[in-house]
Amino acid sequence: MVFDASEAMSRFGESHTTVVLWQRFEVSHREMFDSLKSAIEFIRGNSFRPTRVELHLHRGGHDVLIAGDELAQLLQEHAGQKA
């Protein structure tokens, strides 16, 4: 299945989201947001220098993980929406 950043924003844009920032092999920071959009703004504006970033979208009792290339696509999609 191919990841579609636009579809992800449409489906999960208002979902509670936890941002997890990793430093090497340990979680260095974890913060929860009321929406995916707020979480993306936090990622863009944070001063941390994480080695890995994960988004955990909380929806219907399940978590959806977005990280790596999928997260990069999502950040790019959100930047395009703001322009």
PDB file of N, CA and C in Angstrom:
ATOM      1  N   MET A   1       0.840  -1.180   0.000  1.00  0.00           N
ATOM      2  CA  MET A   1       0.000   0.000   0.000  1.00  0.00           C
ATOM      3  C   MET A   1       0.885   1.242   0.000  1.00  0.00           C
ATOM      4  N   VAL A   2       0.595   2.155  -0.881  1.00  0.00           N
ATOM      5  CA  VAL A   2       1.370   3.386  -1.007  1.00  0.00           C
ATOM      6  C   VAL A   2       0.797   4.446  -0.068  1.00  0.00           C
ATOM      7  N   PHE A   3       1.678   5.126   0.650  1.00  0.00           N
ATOM      8  CA  PHE A   3       1.255   6.170   1.577  1.00  0.00           C
ATOM      9  C   PHE A   3       0.842   7.408   0.796  1.00  0.00           C
ATOM     10  N   ASP A   4      -0.294   7.980   1.119  1.00  0.00           N
ATOM     11  CA  ASP A   4      -0.808   9.191   0.489  1.00  0.00           C
ATOM     12  C   ASP A   4      -0.923  10.262   1.573  1.00  0.00           C
ATOM     13  N   ALA A   5      -0.012  11.231   1.552  1.00  0.00           N
ATOM     14  CA  ALA A   5       0.040  12.259   2.595  1.00  0.00           C
ATOM     15  C   ALA A   5      -1.229  13.102   2.615  1.00  0.00           C
ATOM     16  N   SER A   6      -1.771  13.401   1.448  1.00  0.00           N
ATOM     17  CA  SER A   6      -2.986  14.200   1.379  1.00  0.00           C
ATOM     18  C   SER A   6      -4.155  13.452   2.019  1.00  0.00           C
ATOM     19  N   GLU A   7      -4.266  12.166   1.739  1.00  0.00           N
ATOM     20  CA  GLU A   7      -5.314  11.334   2.342  1.00  0.00           C
ATOM     21  C   GLU A   7      -5.126  11.234   3.858  1.00  0.00           C
ATOM     22  N   ALA A   8      -3.882  11.106   4.296  1.00  0.00           N
ATOM     23  CA  ALA A   8      -3.601  11.029   5.733  1.00  0.00           C
ATOM     24  C   ALA A   8      -4.040  12.305   6.442  1.00  0.00           C
ATOM     25  N   MET A   9      -3.755  13.466   5.836  1.00  0.00           N
ATOM     26  CA  MET A   9      -4.178  14.739   6.440  1.00  0.00           C
ATOM     27  C   MET A   9      -5.702  14.819   6.479  1.00  0.00           C
ATOM     28  N   SER A  10      -6.338  14.348   5.431  1.00  0.00           N
ATOM     29  CA  SER A  10      -7.794  14.375   5.368  1.00  0.00           C
ATOM     30  C   SER A  10      -8.422  13.461   6.417  1.00  0.00           C
ATOM     31  N   ARG A  11      -7.900  12.249   6.553  1.00  0.00           N
ATOM     32  CA  ARG A  11      -8.467  11.265   7.477  1.00  0.00           C
ATOM     33  C   ARG A  11      -8.101  11.526   8.930  1.00  0.00           C
ATOM     34  N   PHE A  12      -6.849  11.967   9.176  1.00  0.00           N
ATOM     35  CA  PHE A  12      -6.339  12.046  10.542  1.00  0.00           C
ATOM     36  C   PHE A  12      -6.047  13.458  11.029  1.00  0.00           C
ATOM     37  N   GLY A  13      -6.360  14.466  10.246  1.00  0.00           N
ATOM     38  CA  GLY A  13      -6.006  15.848  10.583  1.00  0.00           C
ATOM     39  C   GLY A  13      -6.473  16.315  11.956  1.00  0.00           C
ATOM     40  N   GLU A  14      -7.606  15.805  12.401  1.00  0.00           N
ATOM     41  CA  GLU A  14      -8.152  16.225  13.696  1.00  0.00           C
ATOM     42  C   GLU A  14      -7.989  15.168  14.780  1.00  0.00           C
ATOM     43  N   SER A  15      -7.153  14.170  14.537  1.00  0.00           N
ATOM     44  CA  SER A  15      -6.941  13.087  15.511  1.00  0.00           C
ATOM     45  C   SER A  15      -5.942  13.505  16.583  1.00  0.00           C
ATOM     46  N   HIS A  16      -6.187  13.066  17.819  1.00  0.00           N
ATOM     47  CA  HIS A  16      -5.203  13.271  18.877  1.00  0.00           C
ATOM     48  C   HIS A  16      -3.911  12.584  18.441  1.00  0.00           C
ATOM     49  N   THR A  17      -2.802  13.269  18.636  1.00  0.00           N
ATOM     50  CA  THR A  17      -1.522  12.775  18.135  1.00  0.00           C
ATOM     51  C   THR A  17      -0.439  12.954  19.192  1.00  0.00           C
ATOM     52  N   THR A  18       0.365  11.918  19.374  1.00  0.00           N
ATOM     53  CA  THR A  18       1.529  12.015  20.245  1.00  0.00           C
ATOM     54  C   THR A  18       2.776  12.078  19.375  1.00  0.00           C
ATOM     55  N   VAL A  19       3.617  13.068  19.647  1.00  0.00           N
ATOM     56  CA  VAL A  19       4.909  13.189  18.979  1.00  0.00           C
ATOM     57  C   VAL A  19       5.946  12.551  19.893  1.00  0.00           C
ATOM     58  N   VAL A  20       6.740  11.644  19.348  1.00  0.00           N
ATOM     59  CA  VAL A  20       7.816  11.003  20.104  1.00  0.00           C
ATOM     60  C   VAL A  20       9.131  11.354  19.427  1.00  0.00           C
ATOM     61  N   LEU A  21      10.019  11.993  20.177  1.00  0.00           N
ATOM     62  CA  LEU A  21      11.344  12.355  19.671  1.00  0.00           C
ATOM     63  C   LEU A  21      12.373  11.429  20.301  1.00  0.00           C
ATOM     64  N   TRP A  22      13.194  10.826  19.475  1.00  0.00           N
ATOM     65  CA  TRP A  22      14.211   9.875  19.930  1.00  0.00           C
ATOM     66  C   TRP A  22      15.601  10.490  19.838  1.00  0.00           C
ATOM     67  N   GLN A  23      16.430  10.195  20.827  1.00  0.00           N
ATOM     68  CA  GLN A  23      17.860  10.501  20.812  1.00  0.00           C
ATOM     69  C   GLN A  23      18.588   9.170  20.922  1.00  0.00           C
ATOM     70  N   ARG A  24      19.243   8.799  19.875  1.00  0.00           N
ATOM     71  CA  ARG A  24      19.892   7.481  19.791  1.00  0.00           C
ATOM     72  C   ARG A  24      18.869   6.386  20.011  1.00  0.00           C
ATOM     73  N   PHE A  25      18.918   5.676  21.123  1.00  0.00           N
ATOM     74  CA  PHE A  25      18.019   4.552  21.352  1.00  0.00           C
ATOM     75  C   PHE A  25      17.009   4.803  22.467  1.00  0.00           C
ATOM     76  N   GLU A  26      16.871   6.053  22.901  1.00  0.00           N
ATOM     77  CA  GLU A  26      15.969   6.372  23.997  1.00  0.00           C
ATOM     78  C   GLU A  26      15.023   7.500  23.605  1.00  0.00           C
ATOM     79  N   VAL A  27      13.815   7.462  24.158  1.00  0.00           N
ATOM     80  CA  VAL A  27      12.861   8.545  23.953  1.00  0.00           C
ATOM     81  C   VAL A  27      13.359   9.753  24.738  1.00  0.00           C
ATOM     82  N   SER A  28      13.531  10.881  24.063  1.00  0.00           N
ATOM     83  CA  SER A  28      14.006  12.078  24.752  1.00  0.00           C
ATOM     84  C   SER A  28      12.868  13.040  25.069  1.00  0.00           C
ATOM     85  N   HIS A  29      11.780  12.945  24.314  1.00  0.00           N
ATOM     86  CA  HIS A  29      10.652  13.849  24.552  1.00  0.00           C
ATOM     87  C   HIS A  29       9.391  13.234  23.958  1.00  0.00           C
ATOM     88  N   ARG A  30       8.285  13.391  24.666  1.00  0.00           N
ATOM     89  CA  ARG A  30       6.986  12.897  24.189  1.00  0.00           C
ATOM     90  C   ARG A  30       5.953  13.966  24.547  1.00  0.00           C
ATOM     91  N   GLU A  31       5.138  14.331  23.576  1.00  0.00           N
ATOM     92  CA  GLU A  31       4.130  15.358  23.824  1.00  0.00           C
ATOM     93  C   GLU A  31       2.869  15.038  23.027  1.00  0.00           C
ATOM     94  N   MET A  32       1.699  15.257  23.649  1.00  0.00           N
ATOM     95  CA  MET A  32       0.423  14.962  23.010  1.00  0.00           C
ATOM     96  C   MET A  32      -0.239  16.248  22.527  1.00  0.00           C
ATOM     97  N   PHE A  33      -0.900  16.148  21.354  1.00  0.00           N
ATOM     98  CA  PHE A  33      -1.584  17.286  20.750  1.00  0.00           C
ATOM     99  C   PHE A  33      -3.016  16.898  20.402  1.00  0.00           C
ATOM    100  N   ASP A  34      -3.885  17.904  20.308  1.00  0.00           N
ATOM    101  CA  ASP A  34      -5.290  17.671  19.992  1.00  0.00           C
ATOM    102  C   ASP A  34      -5.514  17.354  18.517  1.00  0.00           C
ATOM    103  N   SER A  35      -4.531  17.644  17.668  1.00  0.00           N
ATOM    104  CA  SER A  35      -4.694  17.378  16.245  1.00  0.00           C
ATOM    105  C   SER A  35      -3.344  17.056  15.602  1.00  0.00           C
ATOM    106  N   LEU A  36      -3.420  16.382  14.485  1.00  0.00           N
ATOM    107  CA  LEU A  36      -2.219  16.092  13.698  1.00  0.00           C
ATOM    108  C   LEU A  36      -1.579  17.380  13.226  1.00  0.00           C
ATOM    109  N   LYS A  37      -2.403  18.343  12.860  1.00  0.00           N
ATOM    110  CA  LYS A  37      -1.881  19.628  12.384  1.00  0.00           C
ATOM    111  C   LYS A  37      -1.048  20.325  13.461  1.00  0.00           C
ATOM    112  N   SER A  38      -1.518  20.309  14.698  1.00  0.00           N
ATOM    113  CA  SER A  38      -0.758  20.919  15.801  1.00  0.00           C
ATOM    114  C   SER A  38       0.549  20.175  16.038  1.00  0.00           C
ATOM    115  N   ALA A  39       0.525  18.862  15.906  1.00  0.00           N
ATOM    116  CA  ALA A  39       1.734  18.057  16.091  1.00  0.00           C
ATOM    117  C   ALA A  39       2.768  18.394  15.026  1.00  0.00           C
ATOM    118  N   ILE A  40       2.315  18.571  13.789  1.00  0.00           N
ATOM    119  CA  ILE A  40       3.230  18.922  12.700  1.00  0.00           C
ATOM    120  C   ILE A  40       3.859  20.288  12.950  1.00  0.00           C
ATOM    121  N   GLU A  41       3.068  21.240  13.417  1.00  0.00           N
ATOM    122  CA  GLU A  41       3.610  22.566  13.736  1.00  0.00           C
ATOM    123  C   GLU A  41       4.687  22.456  14.821  1.00  0.00           C
ATOM    124  N   PHE A  42       4.454  21.615  15.814  1.00  0.00           N
ATOM    125  CA  PHE A  42       5.438  21.403  16.869  1.00  0.00           C
ATOM    126  C   PHE A  42       6.738  20.834  16.293  1.00  0.00           C
ATOM    127  N   ILE A  43       6.623  19.835  15.441  1.00  0.00           N
ATOM    128  CA  ILE A  43       7.819  19.228  14.835  1.00  0.00           C
ATOM    129  C   ILE A  43       8.610  20.268  14.058  1.00  0.00           C
ATOM    130  N   ARG A  44       7.919  21.066  13.287  1.00  0.00           N
ATOM    131  CA  ARG A  44       8.595  22.090  12.476  1.00  0.00           C
ATOM    132  C   ARG A  44       9.289  23.144  13.339  1.00  0.00           C
ATOM    133  N   GLY A  45       8.723  23.459  14.496  1.00  0.00           N
ATOM    134  CA  GLY A  45       9.253  24.542  15.311  1.00  0.00           C
ATOM    135  C   GLY A  45      10.094  24.125  16.498  1.00  0.00           C
ATOM    136  N   ASN A  46      10.320  22.811  16.669  1.00  0.00           N
ATOM    137  CA  ASN A  46      11.050  22.393  17.873  1.00  0.00           C
ATOM    138  C   ASN A  46      12.545  22.635  17.732  1.00  0.00           C
ATOM    139  N   SER A  47      13.200  22.800  18.862  1.00  0.00           N
ATOM    140  CA  SER A  47      14.641  23.045  18.869  1.00  0.00           C
ATOM    141  C   SER A  47      15.435  21.784  19.193  1.00  0.00           C
ATOM    142  N   PHE A  48      14.733  20.661  19.379  1.00  0.00           N
ATOM    143  CA  PHE A  48      15.404  19.392  19.633  1.00  0.00           C
ATOM    144  C   PHE A  48      16.123  18.952  18.358  1.00  0.00           C
ATOM    145  N   ARG A  49      17.096  18.110  18.506  1.00  0.00           N
ATOM    146  CA  ARG A  49      17.764  17.530  17.359  1.00  0.00           C
ATOM    147  C   ARG A  49      17.641  16.009  17.476  1.00  0.00           C
ATOM    148  N   PRO A  50      16.420  15.500  17.260  1.00  0.00           N
ATOM    149  CA  PRO A  50      16.203  14.066  17.440  1.00  0.00           C
ATOM    150  C   PRO A  50      16.850  13.248  16.333  1.00  0.00           C
ATOM    151  N   THR A  51      17.176  12.005  16.654  1.00  0.00           N
ATOM    152  CA  THR A  51      17.690  11.091  15.638  1.00  0.00           C
ATOM    153  C   THR A  51      16.540  10.411  14.908  1.00  0.00           C
ATOM    154  N   ARG A  52      15.341  10.426  15.516  1.00  0.00           N
ATOM    155  CA  ARG A  52      14.145   9.850  14.896  1.00  0.00           C
ATOM    156  C   ARG A  52      12.923  10.557  15.475  1.00  0.00           C
ATOM    157  N   VAL A  53      11.919  10.752  14.627  1.00  0.00           N
ATOM    158  CA  VAL A  53      10.646  11.349  15.044  1.00  0.00           C
ATOM    159  C   VAL A  53       9.534  10.393  14.641  1.00  0.00           C
ATOM    160  N   GLU A  54       8.585  10.192  15.549  1.00  0.00           N
ATOM    161  CA  GLU A  54       7.420   9.358  15.268  1.00  0.00           C
ATOM    162  C   GLU A  54       6.158  10.128  15.634  1.00  0.00           C
ATOM    163  N   LEU A  55       5.120   9.922  14.838  1.00  0.00           N
ATOM    164  CA  LEU A  55       3.790  10.414  15.175  1.00  0.00           C
ATOM    165  C   LEU A  55       2.926   9.199  15.465  1.00  0.00           C
ATOM    166  N   HIS A  56       2.243   9.233  16.590  1.00  0.00           N
ATOM    167  CA  HIS A  56       1.301   8.179  16.952  1.00  0.00           C
ATOM    168  C   HIS A  56      -0.085   8.821  16.961  1.00  0.00           C
ATOM    169  N   LEU A  57      -0.883   8.513  15.934  1.00  0.00           N
ATOM    170  CA  LEU A  57      -2.226   9.069  15.815  1.00  0.00           C
ATOM    171  C   LEU A  57      -3.192   8.147  16.544  1.00  0.00           C
ATOM    172  N   HIS A  58      -3.967   8.709  17.454  1.00  0.00           N
ATOM    173  CA  HIS A  58      -4.884   7.928  18.282  1.00  0.00           C
ATOM    174  C   HIS A  58      -6.281   8.020  17.672  1.00  0.00           C
ATOM    175  N   ARG A  59      -6.765   6.889  17.191  1.00  0.00           N
ATOM    176  CA  ARG A  59      -8.068   6.906  16.523  1.00  0.00           C
ATOM    177  C   ARG A  59      -8.796   5.589  16.755  1.00  0.00           C
ATOM    178  N   GLY A  60      -9.974   5.678  17.320  1.00  0.00           N
ATOM    179  CA  GLY A  60     -10.806   4.500  17.496  1.00  0.00           C
ATOM    180  C   GLY A  60     -10.185   3.405  18.338  1.00  0.00           C
ATOM    181  N   GLY A  61      -9.424   3.774  19.347  1.00  0.00           N
ATOM    182  CA  GLY A  61      -8.808   2.781  20.213  1.00  0.00           C
ATOM    183  C   GLY A  61      -7.540   2.163  19.654  1.00  0.00           C
ATOM    184  N   HIS A  62      -7.105   2.636  18.501  1.00  0.00           N
ATOM    185  CA  HIS A  62      -5.893   2.118  17.879  1.00  0.00           C
ATOM    186  C   HIS A  62      -4.948   3.274  17.579  1.00  0.00           C
ATOM    187  N   ASP A  63      -3.663   2.961  17.504  1.00  0.00           N
ATOM    188  CA  ASP A  63      -2.670   3.953  17.104  1.00  0.00           C
ATOM    189  C   ASP A  63      -2.223   3.682  15.680  1.00  0.00           C
ATOM    190  N   VAL A  64      -2.050   4.754  14.925  1.00  0.00           N
ATOM    191  CA  VAL A  64      -1.482   4.685  13.588  1.00  0.00           C
ATOM    192  C   VAL A  64      -0.117   5.356  13.680  1.00  0.00           C
ATOM    193  N   LEU A  65       0.934   4.642  13.298  1.00  0.00           N
ATOM    194  CA  LEU A  65       2.296   5.166  13.369  1.00  0.00           C
ATOM    195  C   LEU A  65       2.674   5.775  12.027  1.00  0.00           C
ATOM    196  N   ILE A  66       3.193   7.003  12.069  1.00  0.00           N
ATOM    197  CA  ILE A  66       3.751   7.647  10.886  1.00  0.00           C
ATOM    198  C   ILE A  66       5.168   8.073  11.251  1.00  0.00           C
ATOM    199  N   ALA A  67       6.140   7.603  10.459  1.00  0.00           N
ATOM    200  CA  ALA A  67       7.552   7.919  10.705  1.00  0.00           C
ATOM    201  C   ALA A  67       8.314   7.775   9.387  1.00  0.00           C
ATOM    202  N   GLY A  68       9.575   8.141   9.403  1.00  0.00           N
ATOM    203  CA  GLY A  68      10.452   7.949   8.252  1.00  0.00           C
ATOM    204  C   GLY A  68       9.982   8.688   7.005  1.00  0.00           C
ATOM    205  N   ASP A  69       9.998   7.979   5.867  1.00  0.00           N
ATOM    206  CA  ASP A  69       9.626   8.582   4.590  1.00  0.00           C
ATOM    207  C   ASP A  69       8.182   9.076   4.594  1.00  0.00           C
ATOM    208  N   GLU A  70       7.295   8.344   5.267  1.00  0.00           N
ATOM    209  CA  GLU A  70       5.897   8.762   5.339  1.00  0.00           C
ATOM    210  C   GLU A  70       5.757  10.090   6.078  1.00  0.00           C
ATOM    211  N   LEU A  71       6.515  10.256   7.150  1.00  0.00           N
ATOM    212  CA  LEU A  71       6.484  11.514   7.897  1.00  0.00           C
ATOM    213  C   LEU A  71       7.038  12.645   7.029  1.00  0.00           C
ATOM    214  N   ALA A  72       8.106  12.390   6.290  1.00  0.00           N
ATOM    215  CA  ALA A  72       8.684  13.403   5.405  1.00  0.00           C
ATOM    216  C   ALA A  72       7.657  13.851   4.363  1.00  0.00           C
ATOM    217  N   GLN A  73       6.904  12.911   3.806  1.00  0.00           N
ATOM    218  CA  GLN A  73       5.856  13.245   2.834  1.00  0.00           C
ATOM    219  C   GLN A  73       4.760  14.075   3.489  1.00  0.00           C
ATOM    220  N   LEU A  74       4.396  13.715   4.696  1.00  0.00           N
ATOM    221  CA  LEU A  74       3.349  14.431   5.422  1.00  0.00           C
ATOM    222  C   LEU A  74       3.778  15.870   5.722  1.00  0.00           C
ATOM    223  N   LEU A  75       5.018  16.048   6.141  1.00  0.00           N
ATOM    224  CA  LEU A  75       5.533  17.387   6.417  1.00  0.00           C
ATOM    225  C   LEU A  75       5.562  18.224   5.142  1.00  0.00           C
ATOM    226  N   GLN A  76       5.942  17.614   4.042  1.00  0.00           N
ATOM    227  CA  GLN A  76       5.974  18.315   2.761  1.00  0.00           C
ATOM    228  C   GLN A  76       4.558  18.700   2.322  1.00  0.00           C
ATOM    229  N   GLU A  77       3.609  17.787   2.475  1.00  0.00           N
ATOM    230  CA  GLU A  77       2.209  18.058   2.130  1.00  0.00           C
ATOM    231  C   GLU A  77       1.662  19.221   2.966  1.00  0.00           C
ATOM    232  N   HIS A  78       1.964  19.212   4.255  1.00  0.00           N
ATOM    233  CA  HIS A  78       1.462  20.272   5.134  1.00  0.00           C
ATOM    234  C   HIS A  78       2.091  21.605   4.770  1.00  0.00           C
ATOM    235  N   ALA A  79       3.364  21.612   4.390  1.00  0.00           N
ATOM    236  CA  ALA A  79       4.025  22.852   3.969  1.00  0.00           C
ATOM    237  C   ALA A  79       3.348  23.407   2.719  1.00  0.00           C
ATOM    238  N   GLY A  80       2.949  22.528   1.799  1.00  0.00           N
ATOM    239  CA  GLY A  80       2.258  22.951   0.583  1.00  0.00           C
ATOM    240  C   GLY A  80       0.890  23.532   0.867  1.00  0.00           C
ATOM    241  N   GLN A  81       0.195  23.018   1.876  1.00  0.00           N
ATOM    242  CA  GLN A  81      -1.124  23.514   2.242  1.00  0.00           C
ATOM    243  C   GLN A  81      -1.031  24.906   2.865  1.00  0.00           C
ATOM    244  N   LYS A  82       0.077  25.184   3.548  1.00  0.00           N
ATOM    245  CA  LYS A  82       0.225  26.485   4.220  1.00  0.00           C
ATOM    246  C   LYS A  82       0.618  27.581   3.242  1.00  0.00           C
ATOM    247  N   ALA A  83       1.244  27.203   2.128  1.00  0.00           N
ATOM    248  CA  ALA A  83       1.746  28.200   1.158  1.00  0.00           C
ATOM    249  C   ALA A  83       0.613  28.884   0.416  1.00  0.00           C
TER     250      ALA A  83
END
